[in-house]
Amino acid sequence: MKIKFYYGPAGGYLTGGTTASSAERIATMNQHATGTQSVDAGYTAKTTGTNYFRYYRYAVNGETGTSYSYWYFYVRQVDFNTQGGSSVGSQLIWTTQSSSSTSTTVQCKVTEPAAPTRTGYTFGGWYTDAACSAGKEFDFNTQVRANTTLYAKWTANTYNVTYHLTNSDGNAYVPGTSVKTYTYGQGLTLPVPGSAKNGYTSYGWYGNAGYPG
């Protein structure tokens, strides 16, 4: 995150830390200027919690070096539960808005990660509940104000099943509609042909023409 503040002809400096530890100097602005200037100070948040910044002003509007202002920043963690899919790392985001805020301002968005993968399934987005209920889709253009877990939605793929068999009358075997498709992860009871090829005994269905055991 970046903190923007202004200092006067005598300079100023910024300290920061967390509410659970003593203040730590983040940046020192001790250069002199001919007039009030704007400065950006960068800060990297590595843990969740409440972070604060204290900006000391010198010779700004006649104030002394003991004058300072506070900024509070809340750092929240967003976890991605892929529910059986490939792993997705957590993210830290920041905001000045408390968990009870109703502001519509977005200060730090959650970055939408690359879609995870899962064998036999198609990814359907991120949701705020494990059941991936309708209306619970996560909006990446909103501000997160609390530690949050997002859940991946999956839809099992459906595959067509083709049967290669010639009936005793010489015509191709035509299976019933219910066995023409297969949904990944669900059982499929293969049909038993009612009329096998003359002079042959059926030993079941195989996945390729080599008939592996």
C-alpha atoms as a PDB file:
ATOM      1  CA  MET A   1       0.000   0.000   0.000  1.00  0.00           C
ATOM      2  CA  LYS A   2       1.064   3.620  -0.388  1.00  0.00           C
ATOM      3  CA  ILE A   3       0.515   6.424   2.099  1.00  0.00           C
ATOM      4  CA  LYS A   4       0.388   9.971   0.754  1.00  0.00           C
ATOM      5  CA  PHE A   5       1.077  12.864   3.108  1.00  0.00           C
ATOM      6  CA  TYR A   6       2.362  16.434   3.055  1.00  0.00           C
ATOM      7  CA  TYR A   7       5.276  18.004   4.869  1.00  0.00           C
ATOM      8  CA  GLY A   8       6.381  21.579   5.234  1.00  0.00           C
ATOM      9  CA  PRO A   9       9.667  23.505   4.883  1.00  0.00           C
ATOM     10  CA  ALA A  10      11.216  21.735   7.901  1.00  0.00           C
ATOM     11  CA  GLY A  11      10.344  18.225   6.701  1.00  0.00           C
ATOM     12  CA  GLY A  12       8.660  15.399   8.598  1.00  0.00           C
ATOM     13  CA  TYR A  13       8.674  11.638   9.030  1.00  0.00           C
ATOM     14  CA  LEU A  14       6.374   8.642   9.182  1.00  0.00           C
ATOM     15  CA  THR A  15       6.297   5.750  11.672  1.00  0.00           C
ATOM     16  CA  GLY A  16       4.162   2.666  11.606  1.00  0.00           C
ATOM     17  CA  GLY A  17       3.505  -0.735  13.101  1.00  0.00           C
ATOM     18  CA  THR A  18       0.656  -2.856  14.424  1.00  0.00           C
ATOM     19  CA  THR A  19      -1.597  -2.447  17.419  1.00  0.00           C
ATOM     20  CA  ALA A  20       0.123  -5.453  18.971  1.00  0.00           C
ATOM     21  CA  SER A  21       3.674  -4.123  18.839  1.00  0.00           C
ATOM     22  CA  SER A  22       5.696  -0.966  19.321  1.00  0.00           C
ATOM     23  CA  ALA A  23       6.022   1.571  16.530  1.00  0.00           C
ATOM     24  CA  GLU A  24       8.601   0.870  13.854  1.00  0.00           C
ATOM     25  CA  ARG A  25      10.167   3.538  11.678  1.00  0.00           C
ATOM     26  CA  ILE A  26       9.053   2.946   8.104  1.00  0.00           C
ATOM     27  CA  ALA A  27      10.368   6.000   6.302  1.00  0.00           C
ATOM     28  CA  THR A  28      12.127   9.213   7.260  1.00  0.00           C
ATOM     29  CA  MET A  29      11.379  12.439   5.447  1.00  0.00           C
ATOM     30  CA  ASN A  30      14.055  14.821   6.703  1.00  0.00           C
ATOM     31  CA  GLN A  31      14.797  16.691   3.538  1.00  0.00           C
ATOM     32  CA  HIS A  32      14.079  20.410   3.401  1.00  0.00           C
ATOM     33  CA  ALA A  33      11.816  22.069   0.883  1.00  0.00           C
ATOM     34  CA  THR A  34      10.880  25.575  -0.154  1.00  0.00           C
ATOM     35  CA  GLY A  35       7.194  24.818   0.269  1.00  0.00           C
ATOM     36  CA  THR A  36       4.734  22.117   1.232  1.00  0.00           C
ATOM     37  CA  GLN A  37       5.157  18.994  -0.876  1.00  0.00           C
ATOM     38  CA  SER A  38       3.405  15.668  -1.353  1.00  0.00           C
ATOM     39  CA  VAL A  39       5.232  12.417  -0.594  1.00  0.00           C
ATOM     40  CA  ASP A  40       4.307   8.772  -1.213  1.00  0.00           C
ATOM     41  CA  ALA A  41       5.595   6.239   1.321  1.00  0.00           C
ATOM     42  CA  GLY A  42       5.354   2.539   0.479  1.00  0.00           C
ATOM     43  CA  TYR A  43       4.577  -0.145   3.074  1.00  0.00           C
ATOM     44  CA  THR A  44       4.247  -3.911   2.631  1.00  0.00           C
ATOM     45  CA  ALA A  45       1.784  -5.698   4.928  1.00  0.00           C
ATOM     46  CA  LYS A  46       2.837  -9.300   5.651  1.00  0.00           C
ATOM     47  CA  THR A  47       0.335 -10.301   8.335  1.00  0.00           C
ATOM     48  CA  THR A  48      -3.335  -9.737   9.051  1.00  0.00           C
ATOM     49  CA  GLY A  49      -4.483  -7.333  11.739  1.00  0.00           C
ATOM     50  CA  THR A  50      -4.660  -3.598  12.344  1.00  0.00           C
ATOM     51  CA  ASN A  51      -1.763  -1.484  11.132  1.00  0.00           C
ATOM     52  CA  TYR A  52      -1.242   2.156  11.978  1.00  0.00           C
ATOM     53  CA  PHE A  53       0.814   4.998  10.602  1.00  0.00           C
ATOM     54  CA  ARG A  54       1.784   8.122  12.493  1.00  0.00           C
ATOM     55  CA  TYR A  55       2.932  11.122  10.539  1.00  0.00           C
ATOM     56  CA  TYR A  56       4.956  13.772  12.353  1.00  0.00           C
ATOM     57  CA  ARG A  57       4.805  17.268  10.920  1.00  0.00           C
ATOM     58  CA  TYR A  58       7.393  19.967  11.325  1.00  0.00           C
ATOM     59  CA  ALA A  59       6.748  23.655  10.731  1.00  0.00           C
ATOM     60  CA  VAL A  60       3.451  22.924   9.011  1.00  0.00           C
ATOM     61  CA  ASN A  61       1.011  25.746   9.680  1.00  0.00           C
ATOM     62  CA  GLY A  62       3.131  26.780  12.638  1.00  0.00           C
ATOM     63  CA  GLU A  63       2.909  23.376  14.356  1.00  0.00           C
ATOM     64  CA  THR A  64       5.825  21.854  16.264  1.00  0.00           C
ATOM     65  CA  GLY A  65       7.498  18.471  15.931  1.00  0.00           C
ATOM     66  CA  THR A  66       5.237  16.935  18.572  1.00  0.00           C
ATOM     67  CA  SER A  67       2.191  17.231  16.333  1.00  0.00           C
ATOM     68  CA  TYR A  68       1.177  14.111  14.428  1.00  0.00           C
ATOM     69  CA  SER A  69      -1.747  12.448  12.684  1.00  0.00           C
ATOM     70  CA  TYR A  70      -2.875   8.812  12.740  1.00  0.00           C
ATOM     71  CA  TRP A  71      -4.031   6.529   9.937  1.00  0.00           C
ATOM     72  CA  TYR A  72      -5.377   3.045  10.628  1.00  0.00           C
ATOM     73  CA  PHE A  73      -5.297   0.276   8.033  1.00  0.00           C
ATOM     74  CA  TYR A  74      -6.927  -3.122   8.433  1.00  0.00           C
ATOM     75  CA  VAL A  75      -5.163  -6.026   6.724  1.00  0.00           C
ATOM     76  CA  ARG A  76      -7.387  -8.982   5.856  1.00  0.00           C
ATOM     77  CA  GLN A  77      -6.620 -12.425   4.445  1.00  0.00           C
ATOM     78  CA  VAL A  78      -8.578 -14.024   1.618  1.00  0.00           C
ATOM     79  CA  ASP A  79      -8.275 -17.824   1.315  1.00  0.00           C
ATOM     80  CA  PHE A  80      -9.335 -19.836  -1.726  1.00  0.00           C
ATOM     81  CA  ASN A  81     -10.841 -23.252  -0.993  1.00  0.00           C
ATOM     82  CA  THR A  82     -10.697 -25.094  -4.313  1.00  0.00           C
ATOM     83  CA  GLN A  83     -12.814 -28.002  -3.031  1.00  0.00           C
ATOM     84  CA  GLY A  84     -10.719 -30.715  -4.681  1.00  0.00           C
ATOM     85  CA  GLY A  85      -9.123 -28.595  -7.393  1.00  0.00           C
ATOM     86  CA  SER A  86      -5.559 -27.412  -7.845  1.00  0.00           C
ATOM     87  CA  SER A  87      -4.123 -25.158  -5.144  1.00  0.00           C
ATOM     88  CA  VAL A  88      -4.641 -21.383  -5.128  1.00  0.00           C
ATOM     89  CA  GLY A  89      -2.616 -19.172  -2.778  1.00  0.00           C
ATOM     90  CA  SER A  90      -4.057 -16.783  -0.212  1.00  0.00           C
ATOM     91  CA  GLN A  91      -4.019 -12.995  -0.618  1.00  0.00           C
ATOM     92  CA  LEU A  92      -3.644 -10.090   1.809  1.00  0.00           C
ATOM     93  CA  ILE A  93      -5.658  -6.952   1.146  1.00  0.00           C
ATOM     94  CA  TRP A  94      -5.891  -3.688   3.077  1.00  0.00           C
ATOM     95  CA  THR A  95      -8.596  -1.142   3.808  1.00  0.00           C
ATOM     96  CA  THR A  96      -9.231   1.783   6.155  1.00  0.00           C
ATOM     97  CA  GLN A  97     -12.818   0.567   6.479  1.00  0.00           C
ATOM     98  CA  SER A  98     -13.836  -1.366   9.582  1.00  0.00           C
ATOM     99  CA  SER A  99     -15.778  -4.632   9.367  1.00  0.00           C
ATOM    100  CA  SER A 100     -19.025  -2.752  10.072  1.00  0.00           C
ATOM    101  CA  SER A 101     -18.501  -0.147   7.347  1.00  0.00           C
ATOM    102  CA  THR A 102     -21.157   0.259   4.643  1.00  0.00           C
ATOM    103  CA  SER A 103     -18.962   2.288   2.318  1.00  0.00           C
ATOM    104  CA  THR A 104     -19.081   1.461  -1.388  1.00  0.00           C
ATOM    105  CA  THR A 105     -15.510   2.683  -1.920  1.00  0.00           C
ATOM    106  CA  VAL A 106     -13.065   0.014  -3.094  1.00  0.00           C
ATOM    107  CA  GLN A 107      -9.551   0.693  -1.830  1.00  0.00           C
ATOM    108  CA  CYS A 108      -7.832  -2.637  -2.453  1.00  0.00           C
ATOM    109  CA  LYS A 109      -9.444  -5.310  -4.615  1.00  0.00           C
ATOM    110  CA  VAL A 110      -8.948  -9.032  -4.294  1.00  0.00           C
ATOM    111  CA  THR A 111      -7.108 -10.118  -7.428  1.00  0.00           C
ATOM    112  CA  GLU A 112      -9.036 -12.815  -9.231  1.00  0.00           C
ATOM    113  CA  PRO A 113      -6.632 -15.754  -9.518  1.00  0.00           C
ATOM    114  CA  ALA A 114      -6.188 -17.993 -12.529  1.00  0.00           C
ATOM    115  CA  ALA A 115      -8.911 -20.619 -12.614  1.00  0.00           C
ATOM    116  CA  PRO A 116      -7.981 -23.821 -10.758  1.00  0.00           C
ATOM    117  CA  THR A 117      -8.272 -27.165 -12.499  1.00  0.00           C
ATOM    118  CA  ARG A 118      -9.861 -30.458 -11.505  1.00  0.00           C
ATOM    119  CA  THR A 119      -9.951 -33.665 -13.492  1.00  0.00           C
ATOM    120  CA  GLY A 120     -13.416 -34.353 -14.877  1.00  0.00           C
ATOM    121  CA  TYR A 121     -14.894 -31.014 -13.812  1.00  0.00           C
ATOM    122  CA  THR A 122     -15.411 -27.512 -15.198  1.00  0.00           C
ATOM    123  CA  PHE A 123     -14.698 -24.525 -12.959  1.00  0.00           C
ATOM    124  CA  GLY A 124     -17.696 -22.261 -12.345  1.00  0.00           C
ATOM    125  CA  GLY A 125     -16.382 -19.306 -10.340  1.00  0.00           C
ATOM    126  CA  TRP A 126     -15.821 -18.306  -6.707  1.00  0.00           C
ATOM    127  CA  TYR A 127     -18.555 -18.256  -4.074  1.00  0.00           C
ATOM    128  CA  THR A 128     -18.825 -17.130  -0.470  1.00  0.00           C
ATOM    129  CA  ASP A 129     -20.381 -20.410   0.713  1.00  0.00           C
ATOM    130  CA  ALA A 130     -19.191 -23.993   0.305  1.00  0.00           C
ATOM    131  CA  ALA A 131     -22.445 -25.048  -1.362  1.00  0.00           C
ATOM    132  CA  CYS A 132     -21.907 -22.373  -4.052  1.00  0.00           C
ATOM    133  CA  SER A 133     -25.515 -21.270  -3.744  1.00  0.00           C
ATOM    134  CA  ALA A 134     -27.197 -19.018  -6.290  1.00  0.00           C
ATOM    135  CA  GLY A 135     -26.723 -15.380  -5.346  1.00  0.00           C
ATOM    136  CA  LYS A 136     -23.537 -16.128  -3.373  1.00  0.00           C
ATOM    137  CA  GLU A 137     -21.110 -15.404  -6.218  1.00  0.00           C
ATOM    138  CA  PHE A 138     -18.147 -13.294  -5.091  1.00  0.00           C
ATOM    139  CA  ASP A 139     -17.787  -9.890  -6.729  1.00  0.00           C
ATOM    140  CA  PHE A 140     -14.113  -9.037  -7.229  1.00  0.00           C
ATOM    141  CA  ASN A 141     -15.051  -5.366  -7.589  1.00  0.00           C
ATOM    142  CA  THR A 142     -16.054  -5.054  -3.933  1.00  0.00           C
ATOM    143  CA  GLN A 143     -14.040  -4.258  -0.804  1.00  0.00           C
ATOM    144  CA  VAL A 144     -13.325  -7.119   1.614  1.00  0.00           C
ATOM    145  CA  ARG A 145     -13.442  -5.930   5.246  1.00  0.00           C
ATOM    146  CA  ALA A 146     -12.932  -9.208   7.121  1.00  0.00           C
ATOM    147  CA  ASN A 147     -10.923 -12.401   6.766  1.00  0.00           C
ATOM    148  CA  THR A 148     -12.723 -14.310   4.045  1.00  0.00           C
ATOM    149  CA  THR A 149     -12.777 -17.787   2.491  1.00  0.00           C
ATOM    150  CA  LEU A 150     -13.946 -18.186  -1.095  1.00  0.00           C
ATOM    151  CA  TYR A 151     -15.066 -21.533  -2.506  1.00  0.00           C
ATOM    152  CA  ALA A 152     -14.634 -22.934  -6.008  1.00  0.00           C
ATOM    153  CA  LYS A 153     -17.730 -24.161  -7.832  1.00  0.00           C
ATOM    154  CA  TRP A 154     -17.405 -27.272  -9.988  1.00  0.00           C
ATOM    155  CA  THR A 155     -19.700 -28.900 -12.513  1.00  0.00           C
ATOM    156  CA  ALA A 156     -19.034 -32.528 -13.445  1.00  0.00           C
ATOM    157  CA  ASN A 157     -18.339 -33.001 -17.147  1.00  0.00           C
ATOM    158  CA  THR A 158     -20.663 -35.119 -19.261  1.00  0.00           C
ATOM    159  CA  TYR A 159     -19.189 -37.368 -21.957  1.00  0.00           C
ATOM    160  CA  ASN A 160     -20.765 -39.164 -24.906  1.00  0.00           C
ATOM    161  CA  VAL A 161     -20.444 -42.966 -24.954  1.00  0.00           C
ATOM    162  CA  THR A 162     -20.102 -44.704 -28.322  1.00  0.00           C
ATOM    163  CA  TYR A 163     -20.711 -48.460 -28.643  1.00  0.00           C
ATOM    164  CA  HIS A 164     -19.111 -50.517 -31.419  1.00  0.00           C
ATOM    165  CA  LEU A 165     -21.145 -53.692 -31.934  1.00  0.00           C
ATOM    166  CA  THR A 166     -22.855 -55.383 -34.852  1.00  0.00           C
ATOM    167  CA  ASN A 167     -26.089 -57.208 -34.085  1.00  0.00           C
ATOM    168  CA  SER A 168     -26.855 -60.679 -35.426  1.00  0.00           C
ATOM    169  CA  ASP A 169     -29.018 -59.078 -38.122  1.00  0.00           C
ATOM    170  CA  GLY A 170     -25.999 -57.199 -39.419  1.00  0.00           C
ATOM    171  CA  ASN A 171     -27.138 -53.795 -38.179  1.00  0.00           C
ATOM    172  CA  ALA A 172     -25.162 -51.592 -35.790  1.00  0.00           C
ATOM    173  CA  TYR A 173     -26.139 -51.842 -32.167  1.00  0.00           C
ATOM    174  CA  VAL A 174     -28.143 -48.817 -30.981  1.00  0.00           C
ATOM    175  CA  PRO A 175     -28.098 -48.292 -27.189  1.00  0.00           C
ATOM    176  CA  GLY A 176     -30.875 -46.713 -25.182  1.00  0.00           C
ATOM    177  CA  THR A 177     -30.803 -42.958 -24.518  1.00  0.00           C
ATOM    178  CA  SER A 178     -29.941 -43.405 -20.821  1.00  0.00           C
ATOM    179  CA  VAL A 179     -26.587 -45.053 -21.610  1.00  0.00           C
ATOM    180  CA  LYS A 180     -25.448 -42.713 -24.385  1.00  0.00           C
ATOM    181  CA  THR A 181     -23.826 -40.256 -21.956  1.00  0.00           C
ATOM    182  CA  TYR A 182     -21.720 -40.525 -18.818  1.00  0.00           C
ATOM    183  CA  THR A 183     -21.292 -37.914 -16.070  1.00  0.00           C
ATOM    184  CA  TYR A 184     -17.862 -37.909 -14.448  1.00  0.00           C
ATOM    185  CA  GLY A 185     -17.859 -39.369 -10.941  1.00  0.00           C
ATOM    186  CA  GLN A 186     -21.213 -41.081 -11.364  1.00  0.00           C
ATOM    187  CA  GLY A 187     -21.730 -44.780 -12.017  1.00  0.00           C
ATOM    188  CA  LEU A 188     -22.917 -45.999 -15.428  1.00  0.00           C
ATOM    189  CA  THR A 189     -24.438 -49.441 -15.843  1.00  0.00           C
ATOM    190  CA  LEU A 190     -23.452 -50.596 -19.310  1.00  0.00           C
ATOM    191  CA  PRO A 191     -26.170 -52.257 -21.378  1.00  0.00           C
ATOM    192  CA  VAL A 192     -26.266 -55.969 -22.204  1.00  0.00           C
ATOM    193  CA  PRO A 193     -26.969 -56.390 -25.928  1.00  0.00           C
ATOM    194  CA  GLY A 194     -30.037 -58.519 -26.579  1.00  0.00           C
ATOM    195  CA  SER A 195     -28.741 -59.902 -29.870  1.00  0.00           C
ATOM    196  CA  ALA A 196     -25.015 -60.685 -30.129  1.00  0.00           C
ATOM    197  CA  LYS A 197     -23.104 -61.482 -33.296  1.00  0.00           C
ATOM    198  CA  ASN A 198     -23.706 -65.055 -34.554  1.00  0.00           C
ATOM    199  CA  GLY A 199     -21.132 -67.559 -33.321  1.00  0.00           C
ATOM    200  CA  TYR A 200     -19.689 -65.243 -30.649  1.00  0.00           C
ATOM    201  CA  THR A 201     -20.092 -64.820 -26.903  1.00  0.00           C
ATOM    202  CA  SER A 202     -20.060 -61.332 -25.405  1.00  0.00           C
ATOM    203  CA  TYR A 203     -17.515 -60.724 -22.635  1.00  0.00           C
ATOM    204  CA  GLY A 204     -18.403 -57.120 -21.932  1.00  0.00           C
ATOM    205  CA  TRP A 205     -17.368 -53.666 -23.068  1.00  0.00           C
ATOM    206  CA  TYR A 206     -13.789 -52.350 -23.329  1.00  0.00           C
ATOM    207  CA  GLY A 207     -12.314 -48.904 -23.649  1.00  0.00           C
ATOM    208  CA  ASN A 208     -10.418 -49.607 -26.872  1.00  0.00           C
ATOM    209  CA  ALA A 209     -10.251 -52.082 -29.741  1.00  0.00           C
ATOM    210  CA  GLY A 210      -7.288 -53.928 -28.198  1.00  0.00           C
ATOM    211  CA  TYR A 211      -9.535 -55.439 -25.491  1.00  0.00           C
ATOM    212  CA  PRO A 212      -7.036 -55.202 -22.612  1.00  0.00           C
ATOM    213  CA  GLY A 213      -7.778 -57.426 -19.621  1.00  0.00           C
END
